[in-house]
C-alpha atoms as a PDB file:
ATOM      1  CA  MET A   1     105.634  84.190 104.233  1.00  0.00           C
ATOM      2  CA  LEU A   2     107.732  83.863 101.075  1.00  0.00           C
ATOM      3  CA  GLN A   3     107.167  81.370  98.324  1.00  0.00           C
ATOM      4  CA  LYS A   4     108.755  80.727  94.944  1.00  0.00           C
ATOM      5  CA  LEU A   5     106.822  81.992  91.955  1.00  0.00           C
ATOM      6  CA  SER A   6     107.836  81.446  88.348  1.00  0.00           C
ATOM      7  CA  LEU A   7     107.866  84.786  86.526  1.00  0.00           C
ATOM      8  CA  PRO A   8     109.633  83.925  83.288  1.00  0.00           C
ATOM      9  CA  ARG A   9     109.075  87.342  81.754  1.00  0.00           C
ATOM     10  CA  LEU A  10     111.234  88.801  84.530  1.00  0.00           C
ATOM     11  CA  ASN A  11     114.021  86.346  83.651  1.00  0.00           C
ATOM     12  CA  PRO A  12     115.095  85.879  87.307  1.00  0.00           C
ATOM     13  CA  SER A  13     117.923  83.580  86.255  1.00  0.00           C
ATOM     14  CA  ASP A  14     119.671  86.272  84.196  1.00  0.00           C
ATOM     15  CA  SER A  15     122.864  87.822  85.472  1.00  0.00           C
ATOM     16  CA  ALA A  16     122.017  91.071  87.253  1.00  0.00           C
ATOM     17  CA  SER A  17     124.446  93.074  85.134  1.00  0.00           C
ATOM     18  CA  THR A  18     122.539  92.111  81.979  1.00  0.00           C
ATOM     19  CA  VAL A  19     119.169  93.355  83.265  1.00  0.00           C
ATOM     20  CA  ALA A  20     118.339  97.049  82.829  1.00  0.00           C
ATOM     21  CA  ILE A  21     115.849  98.531  85.281  1.00  0.00           C
ATOM     22  CA  ASP A  22     114.091 101.887  85.068  1.00  0.00           C
ATOM     23  CA  VAL A  23     112.802 103.267  88.383  1.00  0.00           C
ATOM     24  CA  LEU A  24     110.142 105.958  88.082  1.00  0.00           C
ATOM     25  CA  GLY A  25     110.031 108.453  90.939  1.00  0.00           C
ATOM     26  CA  ALA A  26     112.917 109.658  93.105  1.00  0.00           C
ATOM     27  CA  GLY A  27     110.986 110.047  96.333  1.00  0.00           C
ATOM     28  CA  VAL A  28     111.817 107.824  99.276  1.00  0.00           C
ATOM     29  CA  ALA A  29     110.185 104.744  97.707  1.00  0.00           C
ATOM     30  CA  GLY A  30     111.874 105.028  94.323  1.00  0.00           C
ATOM     31  CA  THR A  31     115.219 106.058  95.747  1.00  0.00           C
ATOM     32  CA  TRP A  32     115.417 102.972  97.971  1.00  0.00           C
ATOM     33  CA  GLN A  33     114.344 100.762  95.072  1.00  0.00           C
ATOM     34  CA  ALA A  34     117.155 102.184  92.936  1.00  0.00           C
ATOM     35  CA  LEU A  35     119.686 101.914  95.766  1.00  0.00           C
ATOM     36  CA  LEU A  36     119.125  98.263  96.628  1.00  0.00           C
ATOM     37  CA  LEU A  37     118.772  97.183  93.003  1.00  0.00           C
ATOM     38  CA  ALA A  38     122.034  98.942  92.123  1.00  0.00           C
ATOM     39  CA  ARG A  39     123.734  97.354  95.128  1.00  0.00           C
ATOM     40  CA  ALA A  40     122.516  93.988  93.828  1.00  0.00           C
ATOM     41  CA  GLY A  41     124.334  94.635  90.544  1.00  0.00           C
ATOM     42  CA  TYR A  42     121.513  95.740  88.257  1.00  0.00           C
ATOM     43  CA  LYS A  43     121.915  98.531  85.719  1.00  0.00           C
ATOM     44  CA  VAL A  44     119.510 101.142  87.093  1.00  0.00           C
ATOM     45  CA  THR A  45     118.247 104.453  85.723  1.00  0.00           C
ATOM     46  CA  LEU A  46     116.160 106.659  88.023  1.00  0.00           C
ATOM     47  CA  TYR A  47     113.630 109.082  86.487  1.00  0.00           C
ATOM     48  CA  GLU A  48     112.056 112.004  88.355  1.00  0.00           C
ATOM     49  CA  ARG A  49     109.770 114.637  86.861  1.00  0.00           C
ATOM     50  CA  ASP A  50     110.620 117.121  89.626  1.00  0.00           C
ATOM     51  CA  SER A  51     113.913 118.988  89.958  1.00  0.00           C
ATOM     52  CA  ALA A  52     116.745 117.752  92.167  1.00  0.00           C
ATOM     53  CA  ALA A  53     115.345 119.903  95.001  1.00  0.00           C
ATOM     54  CA  MET A  54     112.283 117.591  95.097  1.00  0.00           C
ATOM     55  CA  THR A  55     110.062 120.369  96.448  1.00  0.00           C
ATOM     56  CA  GLU A  56     106.968 119.030  94.667  1.00  0.00           C
ATOM     57  CA  GLY A  57     107.132 115.535  96.126  1.00  0.00           C
ATOM     58  CA  THR A  58     105.425 114.031  99.150  1.00  0.00           C
ATOM     59  CA  SER A  59     108.816 113.347 100.736  1.00  0.00           C
ATOM     60  CA  HIS A  60     109.440 117.099 101.005  1.00  0.00           C
ATOM     61  CA  TRP A  61     106.717 117.338 103.644  1.00  0.00           C
ATOM     62  CA  ALA A  62     107.447 114.081 105.464  1.00  0.00           C
ATOM     63  CA  GLY A  63     108.405 113.731 109.107  1.00  0.00           C
ATOM     64  CA  GLY A  64     110.994 110.998 108.579  1.00  0.00           C
ATOM     65  CA  MET A  65     110.188 109.090 111.769  1.00  0.00           C
ATOM     66  CA  LEU A  66     111.392 105.497 111.924  1.00  0.00           C
ATOM     67  CA  ALA A  67     109.041 104.365 114.662  1.00  0.00           C
ATOM     68  CA  PRO A  68     107.506 100.925 114.067  1.00  0.00           C
ATOM     69  CA  TRP A  69     106.580 100.299 117.701  1.00  0.00           C
ATOM     70  CA  CYS A  70     104.821 103.638 118.054  1.00  0.00           C
ATOM     71  CA  GLU A  71     102.999 103.045 114.783  1.00  0.00           C
ATOM     72  CA  SER A  72     101.708  99.726 116.095  1.00  0.00           C
ATOM     73  CA  GLU A  73      99.030 101.690 117.972  1.00  0.00           C
ATOM     74  CA  THR A  74      97.020 102.013 114.765  1.00  0.00           C
ATOM     75  CA  ALA A  75      98.975 100.274 111.985  1.00  0.00           C
ATOM     76  CA  GLU A  76      98.455  96.743 110.752  1.00  0.00           C
ATOM     77  CA  PRO A  77     101.040  94.100 111.784  1.00  0.00           C
ATOM     78  CA  VAL A  78     102.527  94.072 108.267  1.00  0.00           C
ATOM     79  CA  ILE A  79     103.548  97.726 108.708  1.00  0.00           C
ATOM     80  CA  VAL A  80     105.320  96.890 111.953  1.00  0.00           C
ATOM     81  CA  ARG A  81     107.039  93.906 110.344  1.00  0.00           C
ATOM     82  CA  LEU A  82     108.266  95.968 107.396  1.00  0.00           C
ATOM     83  CA  GLY A  83     109.232  98.847 109.668  1.00  0.00           C
ATOM     84  CA  LEU A  84     111.352  96.654 111.906  1.00  0.00           C
ATOM     85  CA  ARG A  85     113.233  95.268 108.923  1.00  0.00           C
ATOM     86  CA  ALA A  86     113.641  98.788 107.529  1.00  0.00           C
ATOM     87  CA  LEU A  87     115.293  99.958 110.755  1.00  0.00           C
ATOM     88  CA  ALA A  88     118.155  97.564 110.069  1.00  0.00           C
ATOM     89  CA  LEU A  89     118.430  98.754 106.466  1.00  0.00           C
ATOM     90  CA  TRP A  90     118.539 102.409 107.523  1.00  0.00           C
ATOM     91  CA  ARG A  91     121.284 101.584 110.016  1.00  0.00           C
ATOM     92  CA  GLU A  92     123.244  99.688 107.365  1.00  0.00           C
ATOM     93  CA  HIS A  93     122.986 102.147 104.505  1.00  0.00           C
ATOM     94  CA  VAL A  94     122.667 105.470 106.361  1.00  0.00           C
ATOM     95  CA  PRO A  95     124.938 104.974 109.382  1.00  0.00           C
ATOM     96  CA  ASP A  96     124.651 108.612 110.485  1.00  0.00           C
ATOM     97  CA  ALA A  97     120.865 108.389 110.858  1.00  0.00           C
ATOM     98  CA  ALA A  98     119.725 109.337 114.355  1.00  0.00           C
ATOM     99  CA  PHE A  99     118.648 106.391 116.489  1.00  0.00           C
ATOM    100  CA  ASN A 100     117.968 108.135 119.781  1.00  0.00           C
ATOM    101  CA  GLY A 101     114.537 106.618 120.261  1.00  0.00           C
ATOM    102  CA  SER A 102     111.084 108.211 120.488  1.00  0.00           C
ATOM    103  CA  LEU A 103     109.358 109.785 123.481  1.00  0.00           C
ATOM    104  CA  VAL A 104     105.569 109.804 124.010  1.00  0.00           C
ATOM    105  CA  ILE A 105     104.068 112.249 126.490  1.00  0.00           C
ATOM    106  CA  ALA A 106     100.629 113.548 127.452  1.00  0.00           C
ATOM    107  CA  HIS A 107      99.023 116.247 129.532  1.00  0.00           C
ATOM    108  CA  ALA A 108      96.994 115.156 132.537  1.00  0.00           C
ATOM    109  CA  ARG A 109      93.696 115.645 130.685  1.00  0.00           C
ATOM    110  CA  ASP A 110      94.813 113.149 128.026  1.00  0.00           C
ATOM    111  CA  ARG A 111      95.990 110.391 130.387  1.00  0.00           C
ATOM    112  CA  ALA A 112      93.311 108.014 129.066  1.00  0.00           C
ATOM    113  CA  ASP A 113      94.730 108.323 125.551  1.00  0.00           C
ATOM    114  CA  PHE A 114      98.232 107.894 126.972  1.00  0.00           C
ATOM    115  CA  GLY A 115      97.196 104.692 128.739  1.00  0.00           C
ATOM    116  CA  ARG A 116      95.566 103.350 125.600  1.00  0.00           C
ATOM    117  CA  PHE A 117      98.723 104.080 123.597  1.00  0.00           C
ATOM    118  CA  ALA A 118     100.780 102.171 126.156  1.00  0.00           C
ATOM    119  CA  ARG A 119      98.443  99.168 126.026  1.00  0.00           C
ATOM    120  CA  LEU A 120      98.519  98.974 122.224  1.00  0.00           C
ATOM    121  CA  THR A 121     102.288  99.293 121.803  1.00  0.00           C
ATOM    122  CA  SER A 122     105.376  97.545 123.163  1.00  0.00           C
ATOM    123  CA  HIS A 123     109.180  97.741 123.468  1.00  0.00           C
ATOM    124  CA  TYR A 124     109.105 100.893 125.595  1.00  0.00           C
ATOM    125  CA  GLU A 125     110.389 101.974 128.977  1.00  0.00           C
ATOM    126  CA  ARG A 126     107.860 103.749 131.185  1.00  0.00           C
ATOM    127  CA  LEU A 127     109.338 106.952 132.650  1.00  0.00           C
ATOM    128  CA  ASP A 128     108.276 109.063 135.612  1.00  0.00           C
ATOM    129  CA  ALA A 129     108.672 112.852 135.710  1.00  0.00           C
ATOM    130  CA  ASP A 130     112.341 112.582 136.674  1.00  0.00           C
ATOM    131  CA  GLY A 131     112.948 110.118 133.866  1.00  0.00           C
ATOM    132  CA  VAL A 132     111.370 112.434 131.301  1.00  0.00           C
ATOM    133  CA  GLY A 133     113.524 115.304 132.541  1.00  0.00           C
ATOM    134  CA  ALA A 134     116.682 113.219 132.461  1.00  0.00           C
ATOM    135  CA  LEU A 135     115.961 112.119 128.897  1.00  0.00           C
ATOM    136  CA  GLU A 136     114.931 115.568 127.627  1.00  0.00           C
ATOM    137  CA  PRO A 137     116.081 118.336 129.995  1.00  0.00           C
ATOM    138  CA  SER A 138     113.957 120.928 128.179  1.00  0.00           C
ATOM    139  CA  LEU A 139     110.862 119.021 129.324  1.00  0.00           C
ATOM    140  CA  ALA A 140     111.909 118.695 132.976  1.00  0.00           C
ATOM    141  CA  GLY A 141     109.023 119.315 135.360  1.00  0.00           C
ATOM    142  CA  ARG A 142     106.494 119.580 132.552  1.00  0.00           C
ATOM    143  CA  PHE A 143     105.175 116.006 132.230  1.00  0.00           C
ATOM    144  CA  ALA A 144     104.425 113.430 134.900  1.00  0.00           C
ATOM    145  CA  GLU A 145     105.277 110.399 132.792  1.00  0.00           C
ATOM    146  CA  GLY A 146     106.409 109.250 129.385  1.00  0.00           C
ATOM    147  CA  LEU A 147     107.006 106.212 127.199  1.00  0.00           C
ATOM    148  CA  PHE A 148     110.520 105.840 125.791  1.00  0.00           C
ATOM    149  CA  TYR A 149     110.964 103.651 122.689  1.00  0.00           C
ATOM    150  CA  LYS A 150     114.743 103.472 122.757  1.00  0.00           C
ATOM    151  CA  ASP A 151     115.352 101.571 119.490  1.00  0.00           C
ATOM    152  CA  GLU A 152     113.449 103.912 117.174  1.00  0.00           C
ATOM    153  CA  GLY A 153     115.017 106.642 115.060  1.00  0.00           C
ATOM    154  CA  HIS A 154     114.413 109.468 112.627  1.00  0.00           C
ATOM    155  CA  VAL A 155     115.910 111.076 109.535  1.00  0.00           C
ATOM    156  CA  GLU A 156     115.496 114.517 108.008  1.00  0.00           C
ATOM    157  CA  PRO A 157     113.906 113.927 104.585  1.00  0.00           C
ATOM    158  CA  ARG A 158     115.169 117.124 102.986  1.00  0.00           C
ATOM    159  CA  ARG A 159     118.742 116.158 103.881  1.00  0.00           C
ATOM    160  CA  VAL A 160     118.737 112.392 103.587  1.00  0.00           C
ATOM    161  CA  LEU A 161     117.188 112.181 100.104  1.00  0.00           C
ATOM    162  CA  PRO A 162     119.981 114.247  98.472  1.00  0.00           C
ATOM    163  CA  GLN A 163     122.489 112.072 100.332  1.00  0.00           C
ATOM    164  CA  LEU A 164     120.886 108.927  98.934  1.00  0.00           C
ATOM    165  CA  HIS A 165     120.785 110.434  95.437  1.00  0.00           C
ATOM    166  CA  ALA A 166     124.507 111.142  95.711  1.00  0.00           C
ATOM    167  CA  ARG A 167     125.035 107.546  96.814  1.00  0.00           C
ATOM    168  CA  LEU A 168     123.204 106.389  93.693  1.00  0.00           C
ATOM    169  CA  ALA A 169     125.447 108.477  91.467  1.00  0.00           C
ATOM    170  CA  ALA A 170     128.501 106.949  93.147  1.00  0.00           C
ATOM    171  CA  LEU A 171     127.095 103.491  92.331  1.00  0.00           C
ATOM    172  CA  GLY A 172     126.794 104.407  88.663  1.00  0.00           C
ATOM    173  CA  VAL A 173     123.035 105.009  88.659  1.00  0.00           C
ATOM    174  CA  GLU A 174     121.960 107.661  86.169  1.00  0.00           C
ATOM    175  CA  VAL A 175     119.495 109.993  87.918  1.00  0.00           C
ATOM    176  CA  ARG A 176     117.444 111.991  85.430  1.00  0.00           C
ATOM    177  CA  PHE A 177     115.695 114.859  87.195  1.00  0.00           C
ATOM    178  CA  GLY A 178     113.148 116.905  85.279  1.00  0.00           C
ATOM    179  CA  THR A 179     112.289 113.854  83.180  1.00  0.00           C
ATOM    180  CA  ALA A 180     108.838 112.292  83.186  1.00  0.00           C
ATOM    181  CA  ARG A 181     109.006 108.623  82.182  1.00  0.00           C
ATOM    182  CA  GLU A 182     105.791 106.698  81.583  1.00  0.00           C
ATOM    183  CA  PRO A 183     105.682 103.041  82.653  1.00  0.00           C
ATOM    184  CA  GLN A 184     104.520 101.721  79.288  1.00  0.00           C
ATOM    185  CA  HIS A 185     107.240  99.909  77.359  1.00  0.00           C
ATOM    186  CA  SER A 186     108.223 100.923  73.871  1.00  0.00           C
ATOM    187  CA  ALA A 187     109.992  98.837  71.247  1.00  0.00           C
ATOM    188  CA  GLN A 188     113.460  99.888  72.352  1.00  0.00           C
ATOM    189  CA  ASP A 189     112.680  98.854  75.935  1.00  0.00           C
ATOM    190  CA  ASP A 190     112.727  95.114  75.214  1.00  0.00           C
ATOM    191  CA  GLY A 191     114.192  93.253  78.146  1.00  0.00           C
ATOM    192  CA  ARG A 192     113.896  96.226  80.486  1.00  0.00           C
ATOM    193  CA  ILE A 193     112.095  96.087  83.843  1.00  0.00           C
ATOM    194  CA  VAL A 194     110.159  99.127  85.074  1.00  0.00           C
ATOM    195  CA  ILE A 195     109.643  99.861  88.787  1.00  0.00           C
ATOM    196  CA  ASP A 196     106.826 102.414  89.055  1.00  0.00           C
ATOM    197  CA  CYS A 197     107.088 104.472  92.276  1.00  0.00           C
ATOM    198  CA  ARG A 198     105.259 107.610  91.108  1.00  0.00           C
ATOM    199  CA  GLY A 199     102.920 107.890  94.076  1.00  0.00           C
ATOM    200  CA  LEU A 200      99.747 109.759  93.146  1.00  0.00           C
ATOM    201  CA  GLY A 201     101.248 110.295  89.700  1.00  0.00           C
ATOM    202  CA  ALA A 202     100.461 106.626  89.021  1.00  0.00           C
ATOM    203  CA  ARG A 203      96.701 107.082  89.166  1.00  0.00           C
ATOM    204  CA  ASP A 204      96.612 106.634  85.404  1.00  0.00           C
ATOM    205  CA  ALA A 205      97.380 102.986  86.148  1.00  0.00           C
ATOM    206  CA  LEU A 206      95.968 102.790  89.691  1.00  0.00           C
ATOM    207  CA  PRO A 207      92.601 104.599  89.758  1.00  0.00           C
ATOM    208  CA  ASP A 208      91.889 103.336  93.301  1.00  0.00           C
ATOM    209  CA  LEU A 209      94.697 105.470  94.778  1.00  0.00           C
ATOM    210  CA  ARG A 210      93.665 108.422  96.904  1.00  0.00           C
ATOM    211  CA  GLY A 211      95.584 111.264  98.492  1.00  0.00           C
ATOM    212  CA  VAL A 212      95.647 111.734 102.276  1.00  0.00           C
ATOM    213  CA  LYS A 213      96.797 115.154 103.400  1.00  0.00           C
ATOM    214  CA  GLY A 214      99.535 115.548 105.980  1.00  0.00           C
ATOM    215  CA  GLU A 215     100.305 119.076 107.167  1.00  0.00           C
ATOM    216  CA  MET A 216     103.494 120.326 108.810  1.00  0.00           C
ATOM    217  CA  ILE A 217     105.107 123.509 110.081  1.00  0.00           C
ATOM    218  CA  LEU A 218     108.855 124.113 110.276  1.00  0.00           C
ATOM    219  CA  ILE A 219     109.945 126.389 113.129  1.00  0.00           C
ATOM    220  CA  GLU A 220     113.229 127.606 114.588  1.00  0.00           C
ATOM    221  CA  THR A 221     114.207 128.375 118.176  1.00  0.00           C
ATOM    222  CA  ASP A 222     117.367 128.008 120.233  1.00  0.00           C
ATOM    223  CA  GLU A 223     115.438 128.059 123.537  1.00  0.00           C
ATOM    224  CA  VAL A 224     114.412 124.380 123.353  1.00  0.00           C
ATOM    225  CA  GLU A 225     116.571 121.342 122.689  1.00  0.00           C
ATOM    226  CA  LEU A 226     115.252 117.889 121.883  1.00  0.00           C
ATOM    227  CA  SER A 227     117.331 114.827 121.011  1.00  0.00           C
ATOM    228  CA  ARG A 228     114.527 112.694 119.577  1.00  0.00           C
ATOM    229  CA  PRO A 229     110.983 112.921 118.197  1.00  0.00           C
ATOM    230  CA  VAL A 230     108.394 113.688 120.847  1.00  0.00           C
ATOM    231  CA  ARG A 231     104.766 112.641 120.409  1.00  0.00           C
ATOM    232  CA  LEU A 232     102.132 114.500 122.382  1.00  0.00           C
ATOM    233  CA  MET A 233      98.708 112.903 122.761  1.00  0.00           C
ATOM    234  CA  HIS A 234      96.065 115.069 121.090  1.00  0.00           C
ATOM    235  CA  PRO A 235      92.253 114.742 120.890  1.00  0.00           C
ATOM    236  CA  ARG A 236      92.325 114.456 117.087  1.00  0.00           C
ATOM    237  CA  TRP A 237      95.841 113.214 116.280  1.00  0.00           C
ATOM    238  CA  PRO A 238      99.227 112.967 117.987  1.00  0.00           C
ATOM    239  CA  LEU A 239     101.412 116.044 117.633  1.00  0.00           C
ATOM    240  CA  TYR A 240     104.920 115.263 116.440  1.00  0.00           C
ATOM    241  CA  LEU A 241     107.821 117.489 117.439  1.00  0.00           C
ATOM    242  CA  ILE A 242     110.800 116.298 115.423  1.00  0.00           C
ATOM    243  CA  PRO A 243     114.215 117.904 115.931  1.00  0.00           C
ATOM    244  CA  ARG A 244     116.106 119.059 112.860  1.00  0.00           C
ATOM    245  CA  GLU A 245     119.580 120.511 112.521  1.00  0.00           C
ATOM    246  CA  ASP A 246     120.305 124.190 113.265  1.00  0.00           C
ATOM    247  CA  HIS A 247     117.746 124.572 116.104  1.00  0.00           C
ATOM    248  CA  ARG A 248     114.816 123.695 113.878  1.00  0.00           C
ATOM    249  CA  PHE A 249     111.796 121.550 114.603  1.00  0.00           C
ATOM    250  CA  MET A 250     109.079 120.056 112.467  1.00  0.00           C
ATOM    251  CA  LEU A 251     105.543 120.229 113.839  1.00  0.00           C
ATOM    252  CA  GLY A 252     103.142 117.699 112.373  1.00  0.00           C
ATOM    253  CA  ALA A 253     101.475 115.836 111.202  1.00  0.00           C
ATOM    254  CA  THR A 254      97.798 115.738 110.522  1.00  0.00           C
ATOM    255  CA  SER A 255      96.143 112.942 108.582  1.00  0.00           C
ATOM    256  CA  ILE A 256      93.137 114.339 106.757  1.00  0.00           C
ATOM    257  CA  GLU A 257      90.964 112.712 104.101  1.00  0.00           C
ATOM    258  CA  SER A 258      91.403 115.533 101.645  1.00  0.00           C
ATOM    259  CA  GLU A 259      93.337 116.176  98.447  1.00  0.00           C
ATOM    260  CA  ASP A 260      93.611 119.885  99.122  1.00  0.00           C
ATOM    261  CA  ASP A 261      97.351 120.472  99.447  1.00  0.00           C
ATOM    262  CA  ARG A 262      97.124 123.635 101.551  1.00  0.00           C
ATOM    263  CA  VAL A 263      97.436 123.973 105.332  1.00  0.00           C
ATOM    264  CA  SER A 264      94.106 124.829 106.959  1.00  0.00           C
ATOM    265  CA  LEU A 265      93.798 127.563 109.586  1.00  0.00           C
ATOM    266  CA  ARG A 266      92.358 125.063 112.066  1.00  0.00           C
ATOM    267  CA  SER A 267      95.281 122.676 111.664  1.00  0.00           C
ATOM    268  CA  ALA A 268      97.856 125.457 111.924  1.00  0.00           C
ATOM    269  CA  LEU A 269      96.265 126.723 115.138  1.00  0.00           C
ATOM    270  CA  GLU A 270      96.076 123.252 116.668  1.00  0.00           C
ATOM    271  CA  LEU A 271      99.654 122.344 115.755  1.00  0.00           C
ATOM    272  CA  MET A 272     101.119 125.582 117.077  1.00  0.00           C
ATOM    273  CA  SER A 273      98.953 125.633 120.203  1.00  0.00           C
ATOM    274  CA  ALA A 274      99.897 122.054 121.047  1.00  0.00           C
ATOM    275  CA  ALA A 275     103.590 122.870 120.572  1.00  0.00           C
ATOM    276  CA  TYR A 276     103.202 125.818 122.942  1.00  0.00           C
ATOM    277  CA  THR A 277     101.778 123.498 125.598  1.00  0.00           C
ATOM    278  CA  VAL A 278     104.839 121.261 125.301  1.00  0.00           C
ATOM    279  CA  HIS A 279     107.106 124.223 126.065  1.00  0.00           C
ATOM    280  CA  PRO A 280     106.140 127.934 126.197  1.00  0.00           C
ATOM    281  CA  ALA A 281     109.380 128.890 124.430  1.00  0.00           C
ATOM    282  CA  PHE A 282     107.855 127.526 121.241  1.00  0.00           C
ATOM    283  CA  GLY A 283     105.544 130.529 121.394  1.00  0.00           C
ATOM    284  CA  GLU A 284     108.482 132.722 120.382  1.00  0.00           C
ATOM    285  CA  ALA A 285     109.778 130.359 117.694  1.00  0.00           C
ATOM    286  CA  ARG A 286     110.134 131.645 114.135  1.00  0.00           C
ATOM    287  CA  ILE A 287     107.978 130.019 111.472  1.00  0.00           C
ATOM    288  CA  LEU A 288     110.209 129.107 108.531  1.00  0.00           C
ATOM    289  CA  ASP A 289     107.917 127.033 106.339  1.00  0.00           C
ATOM    290  CA  PHE A 290     104.558 125.332 106.314  1.00  0.00           C
ATOM    291  CA  GLY A 291     102.875 123.096 103.809  1.00  0.00           C
ATOM    292  CA  ALA A 292     101.117 119.847 103.125  1.00  0.00           C
ATOM    293  CA  GLY A 293     101.918 116.657 101.283  1.00  0.00           C
ATOM    294  CA  LEU A 294      99.446 114.209  99.779  1.00  0.00           C
ATOM    295  CA  ARG A 295     100.323 110.644 100.746  1.00  0.00           C
ATOM    296  CA  PRO A 296      99.273 107.962  98.243  1.00  0.00           C
ATOM    297  CA  ALA A 297      97.004 105.377  99.838  1.00  0.00           C
ATOM    298  CA  PHE A 298      94.745 102.506  98.859  1.00  0.00           C
ATOM    299  CA  ALA A 299      91.431 101.848 100.590  1.00  0.00           C
ATOM    300  CA  ASP A 300      93.061  99.644 103.245  1.00  0.00           C
ATOM    301  CA  ASN A 301      95.979 102.080 103.825  1.00  0.00           C
ATOM    302  CA  LEU A 302      98.436  99.238 103.147  1.00  0.00           C
ATOM    303  CA  PRO A 303     101.338  99.196 100.683  1.00  0.00           C
ATOM    304  CA  ARG A 304     101.124  97.163  97.519  1.00  0.00           C
ATOM    305  CA  ILE A 305     103.685  95.736  95.130  1.00  0.00           C
ATOM    306  CA  ALA A 306     101.823  94.815  91.945  1.00  0.00           C
ATOM    307  CA  ILE A 307     103.370  92.761  89.147  1.00  0.00           C
ATOM    308  CA  GLN A 308     102.115  93.101  85.593  1.00  0.00           C
ATOM    309  CA  GLY A 309     104.358  91.700  82.917  1.00  0.00           C
ATOM    310  CA  ARG A 310     107.708  93.471  83.226  1.00  0.00           C
ATOM    311  CA  THR A 311     106.298  96.368  85.249  1.00  0.00           C
ATOM    312  CA  ILE A 312     106.391  96.301  89.047  1.00  0.00           C
ATOM    313  CA  THR A 313     104.349  98.984  90.805  1.00  0.00           C
ATOM    314  CA  VAL A 314     105.279  99.995  94.365  1.00  0.00           C
ATOM    315  CA  ASN A 315     102.686 102.304  95.872  1.00  0.00           C
ATOM    316  CA  GLY A 316     100.230 103.007  98.684  1.00  0.00           C
ATOM    317  CA  LEU A 317     102.846 103.721 101.362  1.00  0.00           C
ATOM    318  CA  TYR A 318     100.337 106.095 103.024  1.00  0.00           C
ATOM    319  CA  ARG A 319     101.943 107.820 106.031  1.00  0.00           C
ATOM    320  CA  HIS A 320     104.653 105.184 106.421  1.00  0.00           C
ATOM    321  CA  GLY A 321     106.915 106.053 103.490  1.00  0.00           C
ATOM    322  CA  PHE A 322     110.202 106.588 105.291  1.00  0.00           C
ATOM    323  CA  LEU A 323     109.402 103.832 107.756  1.00  0.00           C
ATOM    324  CA  ILE A 324     108.854 101.001 105.265  1.00  0.00           C
ATOM    325  CA  ALA A 325     110.420 102.047 101.930  1.00  0.00           C
ATOM    326  CA  PRO A 326     113.734 100.189 102.492  1.00  0.00           C
ATOM    327  CA  ALA A 327     111.954  96.924 103.335  1.00  0.00           C
ATOM    328  CA  LEU A 328     109.714  97.184 100.266  1.00  0.00           C
ATOM    329  CA  ALA A 329     112.799  97.705  98.116  1.00  0.00           C
ATOM    330  CA  GLU A 330     114.380  94.594  99.592  1.00  0.00           C
ATOM    331  CA  LEU A 331     111.260  92.607  98.660  1.00  0.00           C
ATOM    332  CA  THR A 332     111.473  93.889  95.085  1.00  0.00           C
ATOM    333  CA  VAL A 333     115.101  92.786  94.822  1.00  0.00           C
ATOM    334  CA  ALA A 334     114.101  89.310  96.047  1.00  0.00           C
ATOM    335  CA  LEU A 335     111.325  89.210  93.447  1.00  0.00           C
ATOM    336  CA  VAL A 336     113.527  90.260  90.526  1.00  0.00           C
ATOM    337  CA  ALA A 337     116.530  88.179  91.538  1.00  0.00           C
ATOM    338  CA  ARG A 338     114.884  84.985  92.800  1.00  0.00           C
ATOM    339  CA  GLY A 339     111.173  85.163  92.002  1.00  0.00           C
ATOM    340  CA  GLU A 340     110.205  85.382  95.679  1.00  0.00           C
ATOM    341  CA  ILE A 341     106.763  86.637  96.575  1.00  0.00           C
ATOM    342  CA  ASP A 342     105.661  88.193  99.873  1.00  0.00           C
ATOM    343  CA  ASN A 343     101.989  87.277 100.115  1.00  0.00           C
ATOM    344  CA  GLU A 344     101.090  90.153 102.441  1.00  0.00           C
ATOM    345  CA  VAL A 345     102.352  92.828 100.063  1.00  0.00           C
ATOM    346  CA  MET A 346     102.564  91.477  96.515  1.00  0.00           C
ATOM    347  CA  ARG A 347      99.959  90.598  93.946  1.00  0.00           C
ATOM    348  CA  CYS A 348      99.986  89.697  90.273  1.00  0.00           C
ATOM    349  CA  THR A 349      97.673  91.505  87.859  1.00  0.00           C
END
């Protein structure tokens, strides 16, 4: 999978402490790039055009599920490979991340979709009704069977990103919020490497990027408790119910070929109706927030690390940002430090 490639302009033999690296974009992709590069000893500066609250970024509307085996239903094998490696990196660098597994359920009318999901995925335990109730007492008596992926996890993006940014500051990384940095080098940038993780903001350099809309609703109720993400089979897309702190849940997420960043009435109705069928108490839940994020994607929906001179572009994470970002960052470190190339992800331009 990996081969040596001579990239003399990257000076891979230099001491890490002598190489300055600018990372553009403090979403999940850029933050992990900055974290692992700083841990490797490089002098890193992280630039983000948004404020520290990061309310304008795609990560703000992300689910944060770390579920490579569930994603194998539709994702290419490279996504599963990167996701599995990323699980270990999340465990190592964010030890308080929740690794309680994932639960997949379905109503009787959707048993065919449930069976298909089971055939296309692996590393699960098949549960009967009693098993579902033992795992999630709030769902007792409501579903005849389930699939439990015990090694998967999840994080809360709006909490974990600030934690990672604080970790960067502790490592000596300068994080410049409210600062737009273009990838082009100027005279004073000689010897500097740029890692471009601007998502859709990089379409000036990547015109083949497109935005894929993902909608979500944040609700609050103390009448239902869940310990892990629950996926409900749905005719158009799986409904995700992801527990958050303080009795909150995220409902999502659609995947719509549209660059309209508003939640549609149809999607809102389907998300809330599906949640109600999981447990009627969700019908009395309070709606706290709803919105949509545009995920950057290439035509094949696969991530790409592109190398052009001293600029490395990391983009096209599609709906797998939190799942694969740590593994992509690890590949970038291997490229900069040792000239290693991952042929499934990287290309030279």
